[in-house]
């Protein structure tokens, strides 16, 4: 059984390697740190998609501590970066509240290819292994492949899947799923929605319709709206987060494909700009590689020499 930290460490290996090489190249053999050195450090952090605000904050902290003689080595820099990143990610951190006496409805949204269906399946797998009862709903009725993919995840996680015919009204599928989830007293209902571009108003409006329809049978639902973001998207991920936040009532993020990019700092950039918490992180291909996001494990995996 893999430790959770080892999942973070392996999943963030590309970003950690990129940062380590950047820092080593800047500071190894440097007699004195100067403005040019700090500018290269900032560029390295921005290159890993930490964003301008967070990168500037970290560099200014390092510069201040160096001027006061508090830090002297690359290892010191790594420790300051680790501490600062943890503080940024913890600043507005709020773990999601799950009802223990009735159905929790989770709406998964995002653009095509961001990992919505896979994330929905992995969530079902995670919660089912935690002893919860989970129902999946295939609300991406426009793509038969998406429905089949979710059914495969249902088989894998041993969860029932509510679906309909190709081209059916997604809101009607969601309505039926909520009714079934309430009647059969499930702990969780995960609604996998159709992929949509954040610039397509009609598709975004459809999400609002789905929320209204769900509310007719279960007024307090959905309890959570989680946006899947492909970590390799870089700055475009910030644009997606902004648009979905304003139109879909997003309450948190599922950051996918962190294992496939050297730019995992996008987690920090999104948190710093929108104060929108990352709820889960996709750190690999296996079901157990989707993990509840832990700021300290994230920062340790990027900036420390600890091993699992």
C-alpha atoms as a PDB file:
ATOM      1  CA  UNK A   1       0.000   0.000   0.000  1.00  0.00           C
ATOM      2  CA  UNK A   2       1.485   3.327  -1.052  1.00  0.00           C
ATOM      3  CA  UNK A   3       1.749   6.043   1.580  1.00  0.00           C
ATOM      4  CA  UNK A   4      -0.180   9.208   0.761  1.00  0.00           C
ATOM      5  CA  UNK A   5       3.016  11.266   0.817  1.00  0.00           C
ATOM      6  CA  UNK A   6       4.626   8.917  -1.712  1.00  0.00           C
ATOM      7  CA  UNK A   7       1.660   9.552  -4.035  1.00  0.00           C
ATOM      8  CA  UNK A   8       2.242  13.317  -3.774  1.00  0.00           C
ATOM      9  CA  UNK A   9       5.995  12.935  -4.136  1.00  0.00           C
ATOM     10  CA  UNK A  10       5.770  10.767  -7.245  1.00  0.00           C
ATOM     11  CA  UNK A  11       2.946  12.784  -8.784  1.00  0.00           C
ATOM     12  CA  UNK A  12       4.812  16.078  -8.369  1.00  0.00           C
ATOM     13  CA  UNK A  13       8.206  14.734  -9.416  1.00  0.00           C
ATOM     14  CA  UNK A  14       8.365  16.652 -12.699  1.00  0.00           C
ATOM     15  CA  UNK A  15       7.597  19.986 -11.041  1.00  0.00           C
ATOM     16  CA  UNK A  16       9.986  19.289  -8.146  1.00  0.00           C
ATOM     17  CA  UNK A  17      12.780  18.387 -10.579  1.00  0.00           C
ATOM     18  CA  UNK A  18      12.151  21.547 -12.601  1.00  0.00           C
ATOM     19  CA  UNK A  19      12.335  23.726  -9.476  1.00  0.00           C
ATOM     20  CA  UNK A  20      15.443  21.963  -8.139  1.00  0.00           C
ATOM     21  CA  UNK A  21      17.298  22.388 -11.410  1.00  0.00           C
ATOM     22  CA  UNK A  22      16.286  26.021 -11.602  1.00  0.00           C
ATOM     23  CA  UNK A  23      17.483  26.796  -8.076  1.00  0.00           C
ATOM     24  CA  UNK A  24      20.683  24.792  -8.486  1.00  0.00           C
ATOM     25  CA  UNK A  25      21.561  26.572 -11.683  1.00  0.00           C
ATOM     26  CA  UNK A  26      20.975  29.970 -10.126  1.00  0.00           C
ATOM     27  CA  UNK A  27      22.672  29.631  -6.772  1.00  0.00           C
ATOM     28  CA  UNK A  28      25.386  26.985  -7.106  1.00  0.00           C
ATOM     29  CA  UNK A  29      28.770  28.673  -7.058  1.00  0.00           C
ATOM     30  CA  UNK A  30      27.296  32.136  -6.608  1.00  0.00           C
ATOM     31  CA  UNK A  31      29.481  34.248  -4.355  1.00  0.00           C
ATOM     32  CA  UNK A  32      26.825  36.828  -3.654  1.00  0.00           C
ATOM     33  CA  UNK A  33      23.126  37.008  -4.381  1.00  0.00           C
ATOM     34  CA  UNK A  34      22.049  40.142  -6.229  1.00  0.00           C
ATOM     35  CA  UNK A  35      19.052  41.568  -8.058  1.00  0.00           C
ATOM     36  CA  UNK A  36      19.855  39.502 -11.146  1.00  0.00           C
ATOM     37  CA  UNK A  37      19.941  36.336  -9.045  1.00  0.00           C
ATOM     38  CA  UNK A  38      16.575  37.065  -7.495  1.00  0.00           C
ATOM     39  CA  UNK A  39      15.066  37.896 -10.882  1.00  0.00           C
ATOM     40  CA  UNK A  40      16.190  34.499 -12.198  1.00  0.00           C
ATOM     41  CA  UNK A  41      14.630  32.843  -9.158  1.00  0.00           C
ATOM     42  CA  UNK A  42      11.346  34.630  -9.809  1.00  0.00           C
ATOM     43  CA  UNK A  43      11.461  33.590 -13.465  1.00  0.00           C
ATOM     44  CA  UNK A  44      12.026  29.988 -12.412  1.00  0.00           C
ATOM     45  CA  UNK A  45       8.986  30.014 -10.126  1.00  0.00           C
ATOM     46  CA  UNK A  46       6.826  31.741 -12.733  1.00  0.00           C
ATOM     47  CA  UNK A  47       8.038  29.140 -15.239  1.00  0.00           C
ATOM     48  CA  UNK A  48       6.597  26.451 -12.944  1.00  0.00           C
ATOM     49  CA  UNK A  49       3.279  28.373 -13.043  1.00  0.00           C
ATOM     50  CA  UNK A  50       3.328  29.666  -9.467  1.00  0.00           C
ATOM     51  CA  UNK A  51       2.059  32.973 -10.847  1.00  0.00           C
ATOM     52  CA  UNK A  52       3.468  36.477 -10.501  1.00  0.00           C
ATOM     53  CA  UNK A  53       1.919  37.300  -7.117  1.00  0.00           C
ATOM     54  CA  UNK A  54       3.063  34.157  -5.298  1.00  0.00           C
ATOM     55  CA  UNK A  55       6.481  34.137  -6.989  1.00  0.00           C
ATOM     56  CA  UNK A  56       7.085  37.764  -6.036  1.00  0.00           C
ATOM     57  CA  UNK A  57       6.023  37.094  -2.445  1.00  0.00           C
ATOM     58  CA  UNK A  58       8.410  34.139  -2.098  1.00  0.00           C
ATOM     59  CA  UNK A  59      11.360  35.959  -3.679  1.00  0.00           C
ATOM     60  CA  UNK A  60      10.839  39.068  -1.532  1.00  0.00           C
ATOM     61  CA  UNK A  61      10.761  36.894   1.586  1.00  0.00           C
ATOM     62  CA  UNK A  62      13.998  35.160   0.579  1.00  0.00           C
ATOM     63  CA  UNK A  63      15.659  38.458  -0.310  1.00  0.00           C
ATOM     64  CA  UNK A  64      14.691  39.979   3.046  1.00  0.00           C
ATOM     65  CA  UNK A  65      15.957  37.019   5.052  1.00  0.00           C
ATOM     66  CA  UNK A  66      19.211  36.865   3.115  1.00  0.00           C
ATOM     67  CA  UNK A  67      19.865  40.574   3.720  1.00  0.00           C
ATOM     68  CA  UNK A  68      19.458  39.951   7.441  1.00  0.00           C
ATOM     69  CA  UNK A  69      21.815  36.972   7.377  1.00  0.00           C
ATOM     70  CA  UNK A  70      19.090  34.458   8.267  1.00  0.00           C
ATOM     71  CA  UNK A  71      19.583  32.238   5.196  1.00  0.00           C
ATOM     72  CA  UNK A  72      22.758  31.341   3.319  1.00  0.00           C
ATOM     73  CA  UNK A  73      22.260  28.203   1.206  1.00  0.00           C
ATOM     74  CA  UNK A  74      20.035  26.716  -1.485  1.00  0.00           C
ATOM     75  CA  UNK A  75      18.586  24.389   1.156  1.00  0.00           C
ATOM     76  CA  UNK A  76      17.573  27.475   3.133  1.00  0.00           C
ATOM     77  CA  UNK A  77      15.789  28.819   0.065  1.00  0.00           C
ATOM     78  CA  UNK A  78      13.923  25.551  -0.403  1.00  0.00           C
ATOM     79  CA  UNK A  79      12.774  25.669   3.216  1.00  0.00           C
ATOM     80  CA  UNK A  80      11.525  29.264   2.915  1.00  0.00           C
ATOM     81  CA  UNK A  81       9.685  28.422  -0.312  1.00  0.00           C
ATOM     82  CA  UNK A  82       8.125  25.354   1.325  1.00  0.00           C
ATOM     83  CA  UNK A  83       6.953  27.395   4.312  1.00  0.00           C
ATOM     84  CA  UNK A  84       5.584  30.251   2.187  1.00  0.00           C
ATOM     85  CA  UNK A  85       3.715  27.930  -0.189  1.00  0.00           C
ATOM     86  CA  UNK A  86       2.139  26.060   2.716  1.00  0.00           C
ATOM     87  CA  UNK A  87       1.014  29.365   4.246  1.00  0.00           C
ATOM     88  CA  UNK A  88      -0.535  30.560   0.961  1.00  0.00           C
ATOM     89  CA  UNK A  89      -2.450  27.309   0.460  1.00  0.00           C
ATOM     90  CA  UNK A  90      -3.610  27.191   4.085  1.00  0.00           C
ATOM     91  CA  UNK A  91      -4.689  30.836   4.236  1.00  0.00           C
ATOM     92  CA  UNK A  92      -8.217  30.307   2.947  1.00  0.00           C
ATOM     93  CA  UNK A  93      -8.309  26.541   3.300  1.00  0.00           C
ATOM     94  CA  UNK A  94     -11.658  25.067   4.184  1.00  0.00           C
ATOM     95  CA  UNK A  95     -12.248  21.344   3.933  1.00  0.00           C
ATOM     96  CA  UNK A  96     -15.618  20.477   2.374  1.00  0.00           C
ATOM     97  CA  UNK A  97     -18.437  19.672   4.764  1.00  0.00           C
ATOM     98  CA  UNK A  98     -20.196  16.392   4.059  1.00  0.00           C
ATOM     99  CA  UNK A  99     -23.621  15.584   5.424  1.00  0.00           C
ATOM    100  CA  UNK A 100     -23.699  12.407   7.475  1.00  0.00           C
ATOM    101  CA  UNK A 101     -27.480  12.050   7.724  1.00  0.00           C
ATOM    102  CA  UNK A 102     -28.557  12.509   4.096  1.00  0.00           C
ATOM    103  CA  UNK A 103     -27.430  12.572   0.476  1.00  0.00           C
ATOM    104  CA  UNK A 104     -24.457  14.718  -0.618  1.00  0.00           C
ATOM    105  CA  UNK A 105     -24.787  15.883  -4.237  1.00  0.00           C
ATOM    106  CA  UNK A 106     -21.539  16.702  -6.037  1.00  0.00           C
ATOM    107  CA  UNK A 107     -21.606  18.420  -9.439  1.00  0.00           C
ATOM    108  CA  UNK A 108     -18.448  17.951 -11.534  1.00  0.00           C
ATOM    109  CA  UNK A 109     -17.892  20.633 -14.206  1.00  0.00           C
ATOM    110  CA  UNK A 110     -15.094  21.631 -16.571  1.00  0.00           C
ATOM    111  CA  UNK A 111     -13.947  21.859 -20.176  1.00  0.00           C
ATOM    112  CA  UNK A 112     -13.540  18.911 -22.519  1.00  0.00           C
ATOM    113  CA  UNK A 113     -10.463  16.846 -21.755  1.00  0.00           C
ATOM    114  CA  UNK A 114      -9.931  18.194 -18.245  1.00  0.00           C
ATOM    115  CA  UNK A 115     -10.575  14.825 -16.599  1.00  0.00           C
ATOM    116  CA  UNK A 116     -14.169  15.171 -15.365  1.00  0.00           C
ATOM    117  CA  UNK A 117     -15.336  11.602 -15.968  1.00  0.00           C
ATOM    118  CA  UNK A 118     -12.124  10.040 -14.688  1.00  0.00           C
ATOM    119  CA  UNK A 119     -12.265  12.236 -11.584  1.00  0.00           C
ATOM    120  CA  UNK A 120     -15.904  11.300 -10.963  1.00  0.00           C
ATOM    121  CA  UNK A 121     -14.983   7.620 -11.199  1.00  0.00           C
ATOM    122  CA  UNK A 122     -11.970   7.965  -8.937  1.00  0.00           C
ATOM    123  CA  UNK A 123     -14.033   9.870  -6.365  1.00  0.00           C
ATOM    124  CA  UNK A 124     -16.556   7.028  -6.367  1.00  0.00           C
ATOM    125  CA  UNK A 125     -13.724   4.529  -5.921  1.00  0.00           C
ATOM    126  CA  UNK A 126     -12.204   6.550  -3.075  1.00  0.00           C
ATOM    127  CA  UNK A 127     -15.451   7.025  -1.152  1.00  0.00           C
ATOM    128  CA  UNK A 128     -16.652   3.471  -1.753  1.00  0.00           C
ATOM    129  CA  UNK A 129     -13.400   2.142  -0.288  1.00  0.00           C
ATOM    130  CA  UNK A 130     -14.015   4.431   2.666  1.00  0.00           C
ATOM    131  CA  UNK A 131     -17.255   2.589   3.365  1.00  0.00           C
ATOM    132  CA  UNK A 132     -19.641   5.110   1.787  1.00  0.00           C
ATOM    133  CA  UNK A 133     -22.508   4.352  -0.574  1.00  0.00           C
ATOM    134  CA  UNK A 134     -22.022   6.137  -3.885  1.00  0.00           C
ATOM    135  CA  UNK A 135     -24.245   6.681  -6.927  1.00  0.00           C
ATOM    136  CA  UNK A 136     -22.923   7.988 -10.253  1.00  0.00           C
ATOM    137  CA  UNK A 137     -24.954   9.894 -12.859  1.00  0.00           C
ATOM    138  CA  UNK A 138     -23.900  10.140 -16.521  1.00  0.00           C
ATOM    139  CA  UNK A 139     -25.164  13.627 -17.377  1.00  0.00           C
ATOM    140  CA  UNK A 140     -22.857  13.957 -20.388  1.00  0.00           C
ATOM    141  CA  UNK A 141     -25.551  12.623 -22.710  1.00  0.00           C
ATOM    142  CA  UNK A 142     -23.944  14.150 -25.794  1.00  0.00           C
ATOM    143  CA  UNK A 143     -21.045  11.681 -25.860  1.00  0.00           C
ATOM    144  CA  UNK A 144     -21.766   7.971 -25.746  1.00  0.00           C
ATOM    145  CA  UNK A 145     -18.098   7.381 -24.957  1.00  0.00           C
ATOM    146  CA  UNK A 146     -18.411   9.443 -21.769  1.00  0.00           C
ATOM    147  CA  UNK A 147     -21.389   7.392 -20.600  1.00  0.00           C
ATOM    148  CA  UNK A 148     -19.564   4.137 -21.299  1.00  0.00           C
ATOM    149  CA  UNK A 149     -16.453   5.412 -19.543  1.00  0.00           C
ATOM    150  CA  UNK A 150     -18.451   6.274 -16.430  1.00  0.00           C
ATOM    151  CA  UNK A 151     -20.130   2.853 -16.489  1.00  0.00           C
ATOM    152  CA  UNK A 152     -16.695   1.232 -16.568  1.00  0.00           C
ATOM    153  CA  UNK A 153     -15.740   3.262 -13.513  1.00  0.00           C
ATOM    154  CA  UNK A 154     -19.014   2.217 -11.900  1.00  0.00           C
ATOM    155  CA  UNK A 155     -18.060  -1.422 -12.430  1.00  0.00           C
ATOM    156  CA  UNK A 156     -14.581  -0.794 -11.083  1.00  0.00           C
ATOM    157  CA  UNK A 157     -15.843   0.967  -7.966  1.00  0.00           C
ATOM    158  CA  UNK A 158     -18.866  -1.338  -7.639  1.00  0.00           C
ATOM    159  CA  UNK A 159     -21.249   1.630  -7.840  1.00  0.00           C
ATOM    160  CA  UNK A 160     -24.570   1.973  -9.655  1.00  0.00           C
ATOM    161  CA  UNK A 161     -24.745   4.428 -12.559  1.00  0.00           C
ATOM    162  CA  UNK A 162     -27.838   6.383 -13.635  1.00  0.00           C
ATOM    163  CA  UNK A 163     -27.846   7.042 -17.393  1.00  0.00           C
ATOM    164  CA  UNK A 164     -30.189   7.596 -20.323  1.00  0.00           C
ATOM    165  CA  UNK A 165     -30.241   7.437 -24.112  1.00  0.00           C
ATOM    166  CA  UNK A 166     -27.810   9.433 -26.208  1.00  0.00           C
ATOM    167  CA  UNK A 167     -28.967  13.027 -26.620  1.00  0.00           C
ATOM    168  CA  UNK A 168     -31.331  12.953 -23.643  1.00  0.00           C
ATOM    169  CA  UNK A 169     -31.819  16.082 -21.555  1.00  0.00           C
ATOM    170  CA  UNK A 170     -28.911  16.129 -19.052  1.00  0.00           C
ATOM    171  CA  UNK A 171     -31.081  17.846 -16.449  1.00  0.00           C
ATOM    172  CA  UNK A 172     -33.622  15.030 -16.578  1.00  0.00           C
ATOM    173  CA  UNK A 173     -30.848  12.514 -15.889  1.00  0.00           C
ATOM    174  CA  UNK A 174     -29.712  14.630 -12.939  1.00  0.00           C
ATOM    175  CA  UNK A 175     -33.302  14.881 -11.668  1.00  0.00           C
ATOM    176  CA  UNK A 176     -33.780  11.099 -11.818  1.00  0.00           C
ATOM    177  CA  UNK A 177     -30.436  10.516 -10.128  1.00  0.00           C
ATOM    178  CA  UNK A 178     -31.238  12.827  -7.216  1.00  0.00           C
ATOM    179  CA  UNK A 179     -34.627  11.158  -6.743  1.00  0.00           C
ATOM    180  CA  UNK A 180     -32.969   7.732  -6.711  1.00  0.00           C
ATOM    181  CA  UNK A 181     -30.186   8.873  -4.391  1.00  0.00           C
ATOM    182  CA  UNK A 182     -32.676  10.234  -1.873  1.00  0.00           C
ATOM    183  CA  UNK A 183     -35.040   7.263  -2.074  1.00  0.00           C
ATOM    184  CA  UNK A 184     -32.270   4.706  -1.601  1.00  0.00           C
ATOM    185  CA  UNK A 185     -30.438   6.762   1.034  1.00  0.00           C
ATOM    186  CA  UNK A 186     -27.058   6.980  -0.671  1.00  0.00           C
ATOM    187  CA  UNK A 187     -24.259   8.917   1.010  1.00  0.00           C
ATOM    188  CA  UNK A 188     -22.975  10.515  -2.208  1.00  0.00           C
ATOM    189  CA  UNK A 189     -24.298  11.273  -5.690  1.00  0.00           C
ATOM    190  CA  UNK A 190     -21.680  12.378  -8.229  1.00  0.00           C
ATOM    191  CA  UNK A 191     -23.019  14.079 -11.364  1.00  0.00           C
ATOM    192  CA  UNK A 192     -20.647  13.935 -14.344  1.00  0.00           C
ATOM    193  CA  UNK A 193     -21.611  16.797 -16.681  1.00  0.00           C
ATOM    194  CA  UNK A 194     -20.830  17.437 -20.343  1.00  0.00           C
ATOM    195  CA  UNK A 195     -17.564  19.138 -21.166  1.00  0.00           C
ATOM    196  CA  UNK A 196     -18.015  22.735 -22.144  1.00  0.00           C
ATOM    197  CA  UNK A 197     -15.826  25.632 -23.052  1.00  0.00           C
ATOM    198  CA  UNK A 198     -15.999  28.440 -20.552  1.00  0.00           C
ATOM    199  CA  UNK A 199     -16.641  30.852 -23.452  1.00  0.00           C
ATOM    200  CA  UNK A 200     -19.832  29.098 -24.626  1.00  0.00           C
ATOM    201  CA  UNK A 201     -22.720  30.890 -22.925  1.00  0.00           C
ATOM    202  CA  UNK A 202     -25.384  28.370 -23.982  1.00  0.00           C
ATOM    203  CA  UNK A 203     -23.537  25.456 -22.455  1.00  0.00           C
ATOM    204  CA  UNK A 204     -22.778  27.410 -19.312  1.00  0.00           C
ATOM    205  CA  UNK A 205     -26.478  28.312 -18.998  1.00  0.00           C
ATOM    206  CA  UNK A 206     -27.269  24.599 -19.145  1.00  0.00           C
ATOM    207  CA  UNK A 207     -25.420  24.127 -15.867  1.00  0.00           C
ATOM    208  CA  UNK A 208     -27.669  26.737 -14.272  1.00  0.00           C
ATOM    209  CA  UNK A 209     -30.699  24.848 -15.583  1.00  0.00           C
ATOM    210  CA  UNK A 210     -29.393  21.597 -14.106  1.00  0.00           C
ATOM    211  CA  UNK A 211     -28.957  23.256 -10.713  1.00  0.00           C
ATOM    212  CA  UNK A 212     -32.514  24.612 -10.834  1.00  0.00           C
ATOM    213  CA  UNK A 213     -33.946  21.226 -11.806  1.00  0.00           C
ATOM    214  CA  UNK A 214     -32.033  19.452  -9.036  1.00  0.00           C
ATOM    215  CA  UNK A 215     -33.318  22.039  -6.580  1.00  0.00           C
ATOM    216  CA  UNK A 216     -36.921  21.117  -7.333  1.00  0.00           C
ATOM    217  CA  UNK A 217     -36.474  17.676  -5.798  1.00  0.00           C
ATOM    218  CA  UNK A 218     -33.713  18.543  -3.301  1.00  0.00           C
ATOM    219  CA  UNK A 219     -33.695  22.286  -2.513  1.00  0.00           C
ATOM    220  CA  UNK A 220     -30.246  22.397  -0.872  1.00  0.00           C
ATOM    221  CA  UNK A 221     -28.488  20.540  -3.716  1.00  0.00           C
ATOM    222  CA  UNK A 222     -25.947  20.553  -5.201  1.00  0.00           C
ATOM    223  CA  UNK A 223     -23.880  20.771  -2.045  1.00  0.00           C
ATOM    224  CA  UNK A 224     -20.600  21.132  -3.921  1.00  0.00           C
ATOM    225  CA  UNK A 225     -19.664  22.213  -7.446  1.00  0.00           C
ATOM    226  CA  UNK A 226     -16.132  21.122  -8.283  1.00  0.00           C
ATOM    227  CA  UNK A 227     -14.279  22.326 -11.339  1.00  0.00           C
ATOM    228  CA  UNK A 228     -11.738  19.973 -12.910  1.00  0.00           C
ATOM    229  CA  UNK A 229      -8.650  21.798 -14.142  1.00  0.00           C
ATOM    230  CA  UNK A 230      -5.913  20.196 -16.227  1.00  0.00           C
ATOM    231  CA  UNK A 231      -2.735  21.312 -14.440  1.00  0.00           C
ATOM    232  CA  UNK A 232      -0.789  21.355 -17.706  1.00  0.00           C
ATOM    233  CA  UNK A 233      -3.029  24.116 -19.091  1.00  0.00           C
ATOM    234  CA  UNK A 234      -0.977  26.831 -17.408  1.00  0.00           C
ATOM    235  CA  UNK A 235      -2.345  30.367 -17.510  1.00  0.00           C
ATOM    236  CA  UNK A 236      -5.474  29.228 -19.368  1.00  0.00           C
ATOM    237  CA  UNK A 237      -6.461  27.364 -16.215  1.00  0.00           C
ATOM    238  CA  UNK A 238      -6.783  30.732 -14.482  1.00  0.00           C
ATOM    239  CA  UNK A 239      -9.136  31.963 -17.223  1.00  0.00           C
ATOM    240  CA  UNK A 240     -11.251  28.816 -16.909  1.00  0.00           C
ATOM    241  CA  UNK A 241     -11.424  29.135 -13.135  1.00  0.00           C
ATOM    242  CA  UNK A 242     -12.540  32.764 -13.386  1.00  0.00           C
ATOM    243  CA  UNK A 243     -15.348  32.084 -15.861  1.00  0.00           C
ATOM    244  CA  UNK A 244     -16.695  28.967 -14.168  1.00  0.00           C
ATOM    245  CA  UNK A 245     -16.525  30.686 -10.783  1.00  0.00           C
ATOM    246  CA  UNK A 246     -18.690  33.550 -12.026  1.00  0.00           C
ATOM    247  CA  UNK A 247     -21.299  31.416 -13.822  1.00  0.00           C
ATOM    248  CA  UNK A 248     -21.433  28.013 -12.148  1.00  0.00           C
ATOM    249  CA  UNK A 249     -21.058  28.664  -8.440  1.00  0.00           C
ATOM    250  CA  UNK A 250     -17.831  26.663  -8.230  1.00  0.00           C
ATOM    251  CA  UNK A 251     -16.924  25.856  -4.623  1.00  0.00           C
ATOM    252  CA  UNK A 252     -13.650  24.015  -5.159  1.00  0.00           C
ATOM    253  CA  UNK A 253     -11.202  22.514  -7.617  1.00  0.00           C
ATOM    254  CA  UNK A 254     -10.058  19.076  -8.662  1.00  0.00           C
ATOM    255  CA  UNK A 255      -6.630  19.596 -10.185  1.00  0.00           C
ATOM    256  CA  UNK A 256      -5.857  16.773 -12.621  1.00  0.00           C
ATOM    257  CA  UNK A 257      -2.747  15.520 -14.429  1.00  0.00           C
ATOM    258  CA  UNK A 258      -0.277  17.008 -11.969  1.00  0.00           C
ATOM    259  CA  UNK A 259       1.964  14.022 -12.636  1.00  0.00           C
ATOM    260  CA  UNK A 260       2.249  14.928 -16.310  1.00  0.00           C
ATOM    261  CA  UNK A 261       3.501  18.499 -15.979  1.00  0.00           C
ATOM    262  CA  UNK A 262       6.503  20.366 -14.631  1.00  0.00           C
ATOM    263  CA  UNK A 263       4.193  23.281 -13.838  1.00  0.00           C
ATOM    264  CA  UNK A 264       2.323  22.094 -10.753  1.00  0.00           C
ATOM    265  CA  UNK A 265       2.678  25.556  -9.249  1.00  0.00           C
ATOM    266  CA  UNK A 266      -0.658  26.418 -10.883  1.00  0.00           C
ATOM    267  CA  UNK A 267      -2.217  25.173  -7.625  1.00  0.00           C
ATOM    268  CA  UNK A 268      -0.650  28.131  -5.851  1.00  0.00           C
ATOM    269  CA  UNK A 269      -1.468  30.644  -8.593  1.00  0.00           C
ATOM    270  CA  UNK A 270      -5.179  29.763  -8.520  1.00  0.00           C
ATOM    271  CA  UNK A 271      -5.364  29.890  -4.729  1.00  0.00           C
ATOM    272  CA  UNK A 272      -3.523  33.222  -4.576  1.00  0.00           C
ATOM    273  CA  UNK A 273      -5.758  34.836  -7.194  1.00  0.00           C
ATOM    274  CA  UNK A 274      -9.191  33.378  -6.401  1.00  0.00           C
ATOM    275  CA  UNK A 275      -8.897  31.976  -2.866  1.00  0.00           C
ATOM    276  CA  UNK A 276     -10.560  28.900  -4.351  1.00  0.00           C
ATOM    277  CA  UNK A 277      -9.463  25.738  -2.537  1.00  0.00           C
ATOM    278  CA  UNK A 278      -8.137  22.658  -4.280  1.00  0.00           C
ATOM    279  CA  UNK A 279     -10.203  19.772  -2.870  1.00  0.00           C
ATOM    280  CA  UNK A 280      -8.559  16.859  -4.703  1.00  0.00           C
ATOM    281  CA  UNK A 281      -5.359  16.412  -6.680  1.00  0.00           C
ATOM    282  CA  UNK A 282      -4.884  13.955  -9.536  1.00  0.00           C
ATOM    283  CA  UNK A 283      -1.364  12.589  -9.126  1.00  0.00           C
ATOM    284  CA  UNK A 284      -1.325   9.572 -11.440  1.00  0.00           C
ATOM    285  CA  UNK A 285      -3.273   7.045 -13.474  1.00  0.00           C
ATOM    286  CA  UNK A 286      -4.364   4.653 -10.724  1.00  0.00           C
ATOM    287  CA  UNK A 287      -7.639   5.116  -8.798  1.00  0.00           C
ATOM    288  CA  UNK A 288      -5.811   5.742  -5.519  1.00  0.00           C
ATOM    289  CA  UNK A 289      -3.763   8.492  -7.170  1.00  0.00           C
ATOM    290  CA  UNK A 290      -6.668  10.924  -6.740  1.00  0.00           C
ATOM    291  CA  UNK A 291      -6.124  12.202  -3.210  1.00  0.00           C
ATOM    292  CA  UNK A 292      -7.660  14.843  -0.940  1.00  0.00           C
ATOM    293  CA  UNK A 293      -5.403  17.845  -1.375  1.00  0.00           C
ATOM    294  CA  UNK A 294      -2.991  18.431   1.493  1.00  0.00           C
ATOM    295  CA  UNK A 295      -1.043  21.760   1.371  1.00  0.00           C
ATOM    296  CA  UNK A 296       1.792  20.529   3.570  1.00  0.00           C
ATOM    297  CA  UNK A 297       2.283  17.317   1.588  1.00  0.00           C
ATOM    298  CA  UNK A 298       2.170  19.339  -1.622  1.00  0.00           C
ATOM    299  CA  UNK A 299       4.821  21.799  -0.419  1.00  0.00           C
ATOM    300  CA  UNK A 300       6.985  19.057   1.090  1.00  0.00           C
ATOM    301  CA  UNK A 301       6.878  17.060  -2.145  1.00  0.00           C
ATOM    302  CA  UNK A 302       8.031  20.101  -4.105  1.00  0.00           C
ATOM    303  CA  UNK A 303      10.601  21.654  -1.820  1.00  0.00           C
ATOM    304  CA  UNK A 304      11.950  19.147   0.664  1.00  0.00           C
ATOM    305  CA  UNK A 305      14.384  16.266   0.414  1.00  0.00           C
ATOM    306  CA  UNK A 306      12.157  13.975   2.449  1.00  0.00           C
ATOM    307  CA  UNK A 307      11.430  10.553   1.086  1.00  0.00           C
ATOM    308  CA  UNK A 308       8.345   8.457   1.551  1.00  0.00           C
END
